[in-house]
N, C-alpha and C. Protein backbone atom coordinates (compact mmCIF):
# COMPACT_ATOMS: atom_id res chain seq x y z
N MET A 1 0.82 -1.19 0.00
CA MET A 1 0.00 0.00 0.00
C MET A 1 0.87 1.26 0.00
N ALA A 2 1.98 1.23 0.77
CA ALA A 2 2.86 2.40 0.85
C ALA A 2 3.46 2.71 -0.52
N ARG A 3 3.79 1.66 -1.29
CA ARG A 3 4.35 1.89 -2.63
C ARG A 3 3.33 2.55 -3.54
N ALA A 4 2.07 2.13 -3.46
CA ALA A 4 1.03 2.71 -4.31
C ALA A 4 0.79 4.17 -3.94
N VAL A 5 0.74 4.47 -2.66
CA VAL A 5 0.54 5.85 -2.21
C VAL A 5 1.74 6.70 -2.64
N SER A 6 2.93 6.16 -2.46
CA SER A 6 4.15 6.88 -2.86
C SER A 6 4.16 7.14 -4.37
N ALA A 7 3.81 6.13 -5.15
CA ALA A 7 3.78 6.29 -6.61
C ALA A 7 2.76 7.34 -7.02
N PHE A 8 1.60 7.32 -6.39
CA PHE A 8 0.58 8.33 -6.69
C PHE A 8 1.06 9.73 -6.34
N ALA A 9 1.66 9.89 -5.16
CA ALA A 9 2.14 11.20 -4.72
C ALA A 9 3.24 11.72 -5.63
N VAL A 10 4.17 10.86 -6.01
CA VAL A 10 5.25 11.28 -6.89
C VAL A 10 4.71 11.64 -8.27
N GLY A 11 3.77 10.84 -8.78
CA GLY A 11 3.16 11.14 -10.07
C GLY A 11 2.39 12.45 -10.06
N LEU A 12 1.67 12.69 -8.98
CA LEU A 12 0.92 13.94 -8.83
C LEU A 12 1.88 15.13 -8.77
N LEU A 13 2.95 15.00 -7.99
CA LEU A 13 3.94 16.07 -7.90
C LEU A 13 4.61 16.32 -9.25
N PHE A 14 4.93 15.24 -9.97
CA PHE A 14 5.55 15.36 -11.29
C PHE A 14 4.60 16.09 -12.25
N GLY A 15 3.34 15.69 -12.28
CA GLY A 15 2.36 16.32 -13.16
C GLY A 15 2.17 17.79 -12.84
N LEU A 16 2.08 18.11 -11.56
CA LEU A 16 1.96 19.52 -11.16
C LEU A 16 3.20 20.30 -11.57
N GLY A 17 4.36 19.69 -11.41
CA GLY A 17 5.61 20.34 -11.82
C GLY A 17 5.63 20.61 -13.31
N LEU A 18 5.13 19.66 -14.11
CA LEU A 18 5.07 19.86 -15.56
C LEU A 18 4.15 21.03 -15.92
N LEU A 19 3.01 21.12 -15.23
CA LEU A 19 2.07 22.20 -15.50
C LEU A 19 2.64 23.56 -15.08
N VAL A 20 3.16 23.64 -13.87
CA VAL A 20 3.67 24.90 -13.34
C VAL A 20 4.89 25.39 -14.14
N SER A 21 5.76 24.47 -14.55
CA SER A 21 6.98 24.85 -15.26
C SER A 21 6.74 25.23 -16.72
N GLY A 22 5.61 24.84 -17.27
CA GLY A 22 5.34 25.10 -18.68
C GLY A 22 5.72 23.95 -19.60
N MET A 23 6.22 22.86 -19.04
CA MET A 23 6.62 21.71 -19.88
C MET A 23 5.42 21.04 -20.54
N ALA A 24 4.21 21.27 -20.04
CA ALA A 24 3.01 20.71 -20.65
C ALA A 24 2.36 21.69 -21.62
N ASN A 25 3.03 22.79 -21.88
CA ASN A 25 2.52 23.79 -22.82
C ASN A 25 3.28 23.62 -24.14
N PRO A 26 2.64 23.02 -25.16
CA PRO A 26 3.35 22.76 -26.41
C PRO A 26 3.96 24.02 -27.04
N ALA A 27 3.30 25.16 -26.93
CA ALA A 27 3.84 26.39 -27.52
C ALA A 27 5.15 26.78 -26.83
N LYS A 28 5.21 26.63 -25.54
CA LYS A 28 6.43 26.97 -24.79
C LYS A 28 7.56 26.00 -25.14
N VAL A 29 7.24 24.72 -25.26
CA VAL A 29 8.25 23.72 -25.62
C VAL A 29 8.77 23.99 -27.03
N LEU A 30 7.87 24.28 -27.97
CA LEU A 30 8.31 24.56 -29.34
C LEU A 30 9.16 25.82 -29.39
N ALA A 31 8.85 26.82 -28.55
CA ALA A 31 9.67 28.03 -28.50
C ALA A 31 11.05 27.71 -27.93
N PHE A 32 11.11 26.78 -26.99
CA PHE A 32 12.41 26.36 -26.45
C PHE A 32 13.23 25.63 -27.52
N LEU A 33 12.57 24.83 -28.34
CA LEU A 33 13.28 24.06 -29.37
C LEU A 33 13.66 24.91 -30.58
N ASP A 34 13.07 26.08 -30.73
CA ASP A 34 13.32 26.94 -31.89
C ASP A 34 14.55 27.82 -31.62
N ILE A 35 15.74 27.23 -31.73
CA ILE A 35 16.96 27.97 -31.39
C ILE A 35 17.37 28.99 -32.46
N THR A 36 16.79 28.89 -33.64
CA THR A 36 17.14 29.86 -34.69
C THR A 36 16.09 30.96 -34.84
N GLY A 37 15.02 30.87 -34.10
CA GLY A 37 13.95 31.87 -34.18
C GLY A 37 13.80 32.59 -32.86
N ARG A 38 12.58 32.60 -32.36
CA ARG A 38 12.28 33.27 -31.08
C ARG A 38 12.48 32.28 -29.94
N TRP A 39 13.74 31.99 -29.64
CA TRP A 39 14.10 30.99 -28.65
C TRP A 39 13.71 31.43 -27.24
N ASP A 40 13.08 30.52 -26.49
CA ASP A 40 12.72 30.76 -25.09
C ASP A 40 13.55 29.81 -24.23
N PRO A 41 14.63 30.30 -23.60
CA PRO A 41 15.53 29.42 -22.85
C PRO A 41 15.01 29.00 -21.47
N SER A 42 13.83 29.44 -21.08
CA SER A 42 13.36 29.20 -19.71
C SER A 42 13.27 27.71 -19.36
N LEU A 43 12.95 26.86 -20.32
CA LEU A 43 12.84 25.43 -20.00
C LEU A 43 14.20 24.79 -19.73
N ALA A 44 15.28 25.44 -20.16
CA ALA A 44 16.61 24.93 -19.83
C ALA A 44 16.81 24.96 -18.31
N PHE A 45 16.27 25.99 -17.66
CA PHE A 45 16.37 26.07 -16.21
C PHE A 45 15.52 25.00 -15.54
N VAL A 46 14.37 24.71 -16.12
CA VAL A 46 13.52 23.63 -15.60
C VAL A 46 14.27 22.30 -15.70
N MET A 47 14.87 22.05 -16.86
CA MET A 47 15.61 20.80 -17.04
C MET A 47 16.82 20.72 -16.13
N ALA A 48 17.54 21.84 -15.95
CA ALA A 48 18.70 21.85 -15.06
C ALA A 48 18.25 21.53 -13.63
N GLY A 49 17.14 22.09 -13.21
CA GLY A 49 16.61 21.79 -11.88
C GLY A 49 16.25 20.33 -11.74
N ALA A 50 15.65 19.76 -12.78
CA ALA A 50 15.27 18.35 -12.74
C ALA A 50 16.50 17.45 -12.68
N VAL A 51 17.54 17.79 -13.44
CA VAL A 51 18.78 17.01 -13.41
C VAL A 51 19.42 17.10 -12.02
N ALA A 52 19.41 18.28 -11.42
CA ALA A 52 20.00 18.45 -10.09
C ALA A 52 19.26 17.62 -9.05
N VAL A 53 17.93 17.65 -9.07
CA VAL A 53 17.14 16.86 -8.12
C VAL A 53 17.37 15.37 -8.34
N SER A 54 17.41 14.95 -9.60
CA SER A 54 17.64 13.54 -9.91
C SER A 54 19.04 13.10 -9.46
N ALA A 55 20.04 13.93 -9.71
CA ALA A 55 21.40 13.60 -9.30
C ALA A 55 21.50 13.48 -7.78
N ALA A 56 20.87 14.40 -7.07
CA ALA A 56 20.90 14.36 -5.61
C ALA A 56 20.19 13.10 -5.10
N GLY A 57 19.03 12.78 -5.70
CA GLY A 57 18.30 11.58 -5.29
C GLY A 57 19.09 10.31 -5.57
N THR A 58 19.76 10.26 -6.70
CA THR A 58 20.57 9.09 -7.03
C THR A 58 21.74 8.95 -6.06
N LEU A 59 22.37 10.07 -5.72
CA LEU A 59 23.49 10.05 -4.78
C LEU A 59 23.04 9.54 -3.41
N VAL A 60 21.92 10.04 -2.92
CA VAL A 60 21.39 9.60 -1.63
C VAL A 60 21.04 8.11 -1.69
N ALA A 61 20.39 7.68 -2.76
CA ALA A 61 20.00 6.27 -2.88
C ALA A 61 21.22 5.36 -2.94
N ARG A 62 22.26 5.78 -3.66
CA ARG A 62 23.48 4.94 -3.74
C ARG A 62 24.18 4.86 -2.39
N ARG A 63 24.23 5.97 -1.68
CA ARG A 63 24.88 5.96 -0.36
C ARG A 63 24.09 5.09 0.62
N ARG A 64 22.79 5.15 0.52
CA ARG A 64 21.94 4.36 1.41
C ARG A 64 22.03 2.88 1.05
N GLY A 65 22.18 2.60 -0.26
CA GLY A 65 22.32 1.22 -0.72
C GLY A 65 21.02 0.50 -0.97
N ARG A 66 19.92 1.07 -0.55
CA ARG A 66 18.63 0.41 -0.70
C ARG A 66 17.54 1.48 -0.70
N PRO A 67 16.56 1.37 -1.59
CA PRO A 67 15.46 2.33 -1.59
C PRO A 67 14.57 2.15 -0.35
N LEU A 68 13.78 3.17 -0.08
CA LEU A 68 12.88 3.10 1.07
C LEU A 68 11.77 2.08 0.88
N LEU A 69 11.23 1.98 -0.35
CA LEU A 69 10.05 1.15 -0.57
C LEU A 69 10.28 0.00 -1.54
N ALA A 70 11.52 -0.43 -1.68
CA ALA A 70 11.83 -1.57 -2.56
C ALA A 70 12.94 -2.40 -1.92
N SER A 71 13.07 -3.61 -2.40
CA SER A 71 14.07 -4.50 -1.80
C SER A 71 15.48 -4.22 -2.29
N ARG A 72 15.61 -3.64 -3.49
CA ARG A 72 16.95 -3.35 -3.99
C ARG A 72 16.92 -2.13 -4.91
N LEU A 73 18.07 -1.52 -5.05
CA LEU A 73 18.25 -0.35 -5.89
C LEU A 73 18.53 -0.82 -7.31
N GLU A 74 17.78 -0.34 -8.28
CA GLU A 74 17.97 -0.76 -9.66
C GLU A 74 18.39 0.44 -10.50
N ILE A 75 19.69 0.54 -10.74
CA ILE A 75 20.24 1.59 -11.58
C ILE A 75 20.78 0.92 -12.83
N PRO A 76 20.31 1.35 -14.02
CA PRO A 76 20.77 0.70 -15.25
C PRO A 76 22.29 0.78 -15.41
N THR A 77 22.86 -0.30 -15.90
CA THR A 77 24.31 -0.33 -16.14
C THR A 77 24.63 -0.46 -17.62
N ARG A 78 23.64 -0.76 -18.42
CA ARG A 78 23.86 -0.95 -19.85
C ARG A 78 24.22 0.38 -20.51
N ARG A 79 25.27 0.39 -21.33
CA ARG A 79 25.75 1.62 -21.94
C ARG A 79 25.84 1.54 -23.47
N ASP A 80 25.47 0.40 -24.05
CA ASP A 80 25.61 0.25 -25.50
C ASP A 80 24.45 0.94 -26.24
N LEU A 81 24.71 1.25 -27.49
CA LEU A 81 23.70 1.85 -28.36
C LEU A 81 23.34 0.83 -29.42
N ASP A 82 22.07 0.51 -29.54
CA ASP A 82 21.66 -0.42 -30.58
C ASP A 82 20.69 0.31 -31.52
N PRO A 83 20.41 -0.26 -32.68
CA PRO A 83 19.55 0.42 -33.66
C PRO A 83 18.16 0.75 -33.12
N ARG A 84 17.60 -0.11 -32.28
CA ARG A 84 16.27 0.17 -31.71
C ARG A 84 16.30 1.40 -30.81
N LEU A 85 17.35 1.53 -30.01
CA LEU A 85 17.46 2.69 -29.13
C LEU A 85 17.61 3.97 -29.95
N ILE A 86 18.46 3.93 -30.96
CA ILE A 86 18.69 5.11 -31.80
C ILE A 86 17.41 5.48 -32.55
N ALA A 87 16.73 4.48 -33.11
CA ALA A 87 15.48 4.75 -33.84
C ALA A 87 14.41 5.30 -32.89
N GLY A 88 14.31 4.72 -31.71
CA GLY A 88 13.33 5.20 -30.74
C GLY A 88 13.60 6.63 -30.31
N ALA A 89 14.87 6.95 -30.09
CA ALA A 89 15.24 8.32 -29.71
C ALA A 89 14.93 9.29 -30.84
N ALA A 90 15.17 8.86 -32.08
CA ALA A 90 14.88 9.73 -33.23
C ALA A 90 13.39 9.98 -33.36
N VAL A 91 12.58 8.94 -33.23
CA VAL A 91 11.12 9.10 -33.33
C VAL A 91 10.62 9.99 -32.20
N PHE A 92 11.15 9.77 -30.99
CA PHE A 92 10.76 10.61 -29.85
C PHE A 92 11.11 12.07 -30.14
N GLY A 93 12.33 12.33 -30.58
CA GLY A 93 12.76 13.70 -30.86
C GLY A 93 11.97 14.36 -31.96
N ILE A 94 11.68 13.61 -33.02
CA ILE A 94 10.88 14.17 -34.12
C ILE A 94 9.48 14.52 -33.63
N GLY A 95 8.87 13.61 -32.89
CA GLY A 95 7.53 13.87 -32.35
C GLY A 95 7.52 15.05 -31.41
N TRP A 96 8.53 15.14 -30.55
CA TRP A 96 8.62 16.25 -29.60
C TRP A 96 8.79 17.57 -30.35
N GLY A 97 9.62 17.56 -31.40
CA GLY A 97 9.86 18.77 -32.17
C GLY A 97 8.67 19.20 -33.01
N LEU A 98 7.90 18.25 -33.50
CA LEU A 98 6.74 18.58 -34.33
C LEU A 98 5.55 19.06 -33.51
N VAL A 99 5.34 18.44 -32.35
CA VAL A 99 4.12 18.68 -31.59
C VAL A 99 4.37 19.47 -30.31
N GLY A 100 5.58 19.39 -29.75
CA GLY A 100 5.86 20.08 -28.51
C GLY A 100 5.42 19.31 -27.28
N LEU A 101 5.18 18.01 -27.45
CA LEU A 101 4.76 17.16 -26.33
C LEU A 101 5.59 15.90 -26.30
N CYS A 102 5.79 15.38 -25.11
CA CYS A 102 6.32 14.04 -24.94
C CYS A 102 5.38 13.33 -23.96
N PRO A 103 5.57 12.06 -23.69
CA PRO A 103 4.56 11.29 -22.95
C PRO A 103 4.10 11.88 -21.62
N GLY A 104 5.01 12.27 -20.75
CA GLY A 104 4.60 12.80 -19.44
C GLY A 104 3.73 14.04 -19.56
N PRO A 105 4.21 15.07 -20.24
CA PRO A 105 3.38 16.26 -20.41
C PRO A 105 2.07 15.99 -21.15
N ALA A 106 2.07 15.08 -22.10
CA ALA A 106 0.83 14.78 -22.83
C ALA A 106 -0.22 14.19 -21.89
N LEU A 107 0.20 13.26 -21.04
CA LEU A 107 -0.75 12.68 -20.08
C LEU A 107 -1.22 13.72 -19.08
N THR A 108 -0.31 14.61 -18.67
CA THR A 108 -0.69 15.69 -17.77
C THR A 108 -1.67 16.63 -18.45
N LEU A 109 -1.42 16.93 -19.71
CA LEU A 109 -2.28 17.85 -20.46
C LEU A 109 -3.69 17.29 -20.63
N LEU A 110 -3.83 15.97 -20.61
CA LEU A 110 -5.16 15.36 -20.70
C LEU A 110 -6.08 15.85 -19.58
N THR A 111 -5.51 16.21 -18.44
CA THR A 111 -6.33 16.64 -17.31
C THR A 111 -6.83 18.07 -17.43
N VAL A 112 -6.12 18.92 -18.18
CA VAL A 112 -6.51 20.33 -18.28
C VAL A 112 -6.97 20.73 -19.67
N ALA A 113 -6.53 20.02 -20.70
CA ALA A 113 -6.93 20.32 -22.08
C ALA A 113 -7.02 19.01 -22.85
N PRO A 114 -8.06 18.21 -22.56
CA PRO A 114 -8.12 16.86 -23.12
C PRO A 114 -8.19 16.79 -24.64
N ALA A 115 -8.88 17.72 -25.28
CA ALA A 115 -9.05 17.62 -26.73
C ALA A 115 -7.71 17.70 -27.48
N PRO A 116 -6.86 18.68 -27.22
CA PRO A 116 -5.60 18.74 -27.96
C PRO A 116 -4.66 17.57 -27.64
N ALA A 117 -4.69 17.09 -26.41
CA ALA A 117 -3.77 16.03 -26.00
C ALA A 117 -4.22 14.65 -26.45
N ALA A 118 -5.51 14.46 -26.66
CA ALA A 118 -6.05 13.13 -26.97
C ALA A 118 -5.46 12.54 -28.24
N THR A 119 -5.31 13.35 -29.27
CA THR A 119 -4.75 12.84 -30.53
C THR A 119 -3.32 12.36 -30.32
N PHE A 120 -2.53 13.16 -29.61
CA PHE A 120 -1.15 12.78 -29.34
C PHE A 120 -1.09 11.49 -28.52
N VAL A 121 -1.89 11.41 -27.47
CA VAL A 121 -1.88 10.23 -26.61
C VAL A 121 -2.33 9.00 -27.39
N ALA A 122 -3.33 9.14 -28.24
CA ALA A 122 -3.78 8.00 -29.07
C ALA A 122 -2.64 7.55 -29.99
N ALA A 123 -1.96 8.50 -30.63
CA ALA A 123 -0.83 8.15 -31.51
C ALA A 123 0.29 7.50 -30.71
N MET A 124 0.51 7.98 -29.51
CA MET A 124 1.55 7.43 -28.64
C MET A 124 1.24 5.97 -28.29
N VAL A 125 0.00 5.71 -27.93
CA VAL A 125 -0.41 4.34 -27.58
C VAL A 125 -0.27 3.42 -28.80
N ILE A 126 -0.69 3.89 -29.96
CA ILE A 126 -0.54 3.09 -31.19
C ILE A 126 0.93 2.82 -31.46
N GLY A 127 1.78 3.82 -31.28
CA GLY A 127 3.22 3.63 -31.46
C GLY A 127 3.78 2.60 -30.50
N MET A 128 3.32 2.63 -29.25
CA MET A 128 3.78 1.65 -28.27
C MET A 128 3.36 0.24 -28.67
N LEU A 129 2.15 0.12 -29.18
CA LEU A 129 1.67 -1.20 -29.62
C LEU A 129 2.45 -1.68 -30.84
N LEU A 130 2.71 -0.77 -31.78
CA LEU A 130 3.49 -1.14 -32.96
C LEU A 130 4.92 -1.53 -32.60
N PHE A 131 5.47 -0.87 -31.58
CA PHE A 131 6.83 -1.16 -31.15
C PHE A 131 6.98 -2.63 -30.74
N ARG A 132 5.93 -3.17 -30.17
CA ARG A 132 5.97 -4.57 -29.74
C ARG A 132 6.13 -5.53 -30.94
N LEU A 133 5.80 -5.04 -32.13
CA LEU A 133 5.93 -5.88 -33.32
C LEU A 133 7.35 -5.89 -33.88
N VAL A 134 8.17 -4.93 -33.47
CA VAL A 134 9.55 -4.84 -33.97
C VAL A 134 10.40 -5.81 -33.18
N PRO A 135 11.05 -6.74 -33.86
CA PRO A 135 11.85 -7.72 -33.13
C PRO A 135 13.08 -7.07 -32.49
N SER A 136 13.42 -7.54 -31.30
CA SER A 136 14.61 -7.03 -30.63
C SER A 136 15.76 -8.00 -30.82
N ALA A 137 16.97 -7.50 -30.65
CA ALA A 137 18.16 -8.35 -30.79
C ALA A 137 18.13 -9.48 -29.76
N ALA A 138 17.58 -9.20 -28.59
CA ALA A 138 17.53 -10.20 -27.53
C ALA A 138 16.58 -11.35 -27.87
N SER A 139 15.58 -11.10 -28.70
CA SER A 139 14.61 -12.15 -29.01
C SER A 139 14.98 -12.95 -30.25
N LYS A 140 16.03 -12.50 -30.97
CA LYS A 140 16.46 -13.23 -32.17
C LYS A 140 17.22 -14.48 -31.76
N PRO A 141 16.97 -15.60 -32.43
CA PRO A 141 17.72 -16.81 -32.10
C PRO A 141 19.17 -16.64 -32.52
N THR A 142 20.05 -17.16 -31.69
CA THR A 142 21.48 -17.10 -32.00
C THR A 142 21.99 -18.50 -32.32
N ALA A 143 23.03 -18.54 -33.12
CA ALA A 143 23.60 -19.83 -33.50
C ALA A 143 24.41 -20.37 -32.30
N VAL A 144 24.26 -21.63 -32.02
CA VAL A 144 25.00 -22.26 -30.95
C VAL A 144 26.26 -22.84 -31.54
N GLN A 145 27.41 -22.48 -30.99
CA GLN A 145 28.68 -23.00 -31.52
C GLN A 145 28.75 -24.49 -31.33
N GLY A 146 29.22 -25.17 -32.35
CA GLY A 146 29.38 -26.60 -32.27
C GLY A 146 28.12 -27.39 -32.58
N ALA A 147 27.02 -26.71 -32.82
CA ALA A 147 25.76 -27.42 -33.12
C ALA A 147 25.71 -27.75 -34.59
N ASP A 148 25.13 -28.88 -34.91
CA ASP A 148 24.97 -29.27 -36.32
C ASP A 148 23.83 -28.48 -36.92
N ALA A 149 24.05 -28.05 -38.15
CA ALA A 149 23.01 -27.27 -38.83
C ALA A 149 22.16 -28.11 -39.70
């Protein structure tokens, strides 16, 4: 129960932060991304603040060695770049640049302006479903050395 309450509280705080900071405002995001036009650098400060809070939280969690509401700390160690990661990042960036929304702000925007966000969220869900159809390197069968073909 504590994990569910914690997850809800963190999600609510995150959503409120997106609204207050302007990250859920597509016009503001597009102005931030328009570095050759009327650039609005204010979201850089929002991102810097988010990175600082995340870095501090990660440092505290590593020093503690264990999260408060989980049995172990799970910090990704994988550092390789594969075609799926690069393609996913490109699609994410193109979508963010075209529409001014990414998943978190889009879901937050559903609560205050559902009509504009609904199309994006529907496309996002369809994209997630289509992604499941793309085979991953981990699911491809590999040849076993020494096996007869």
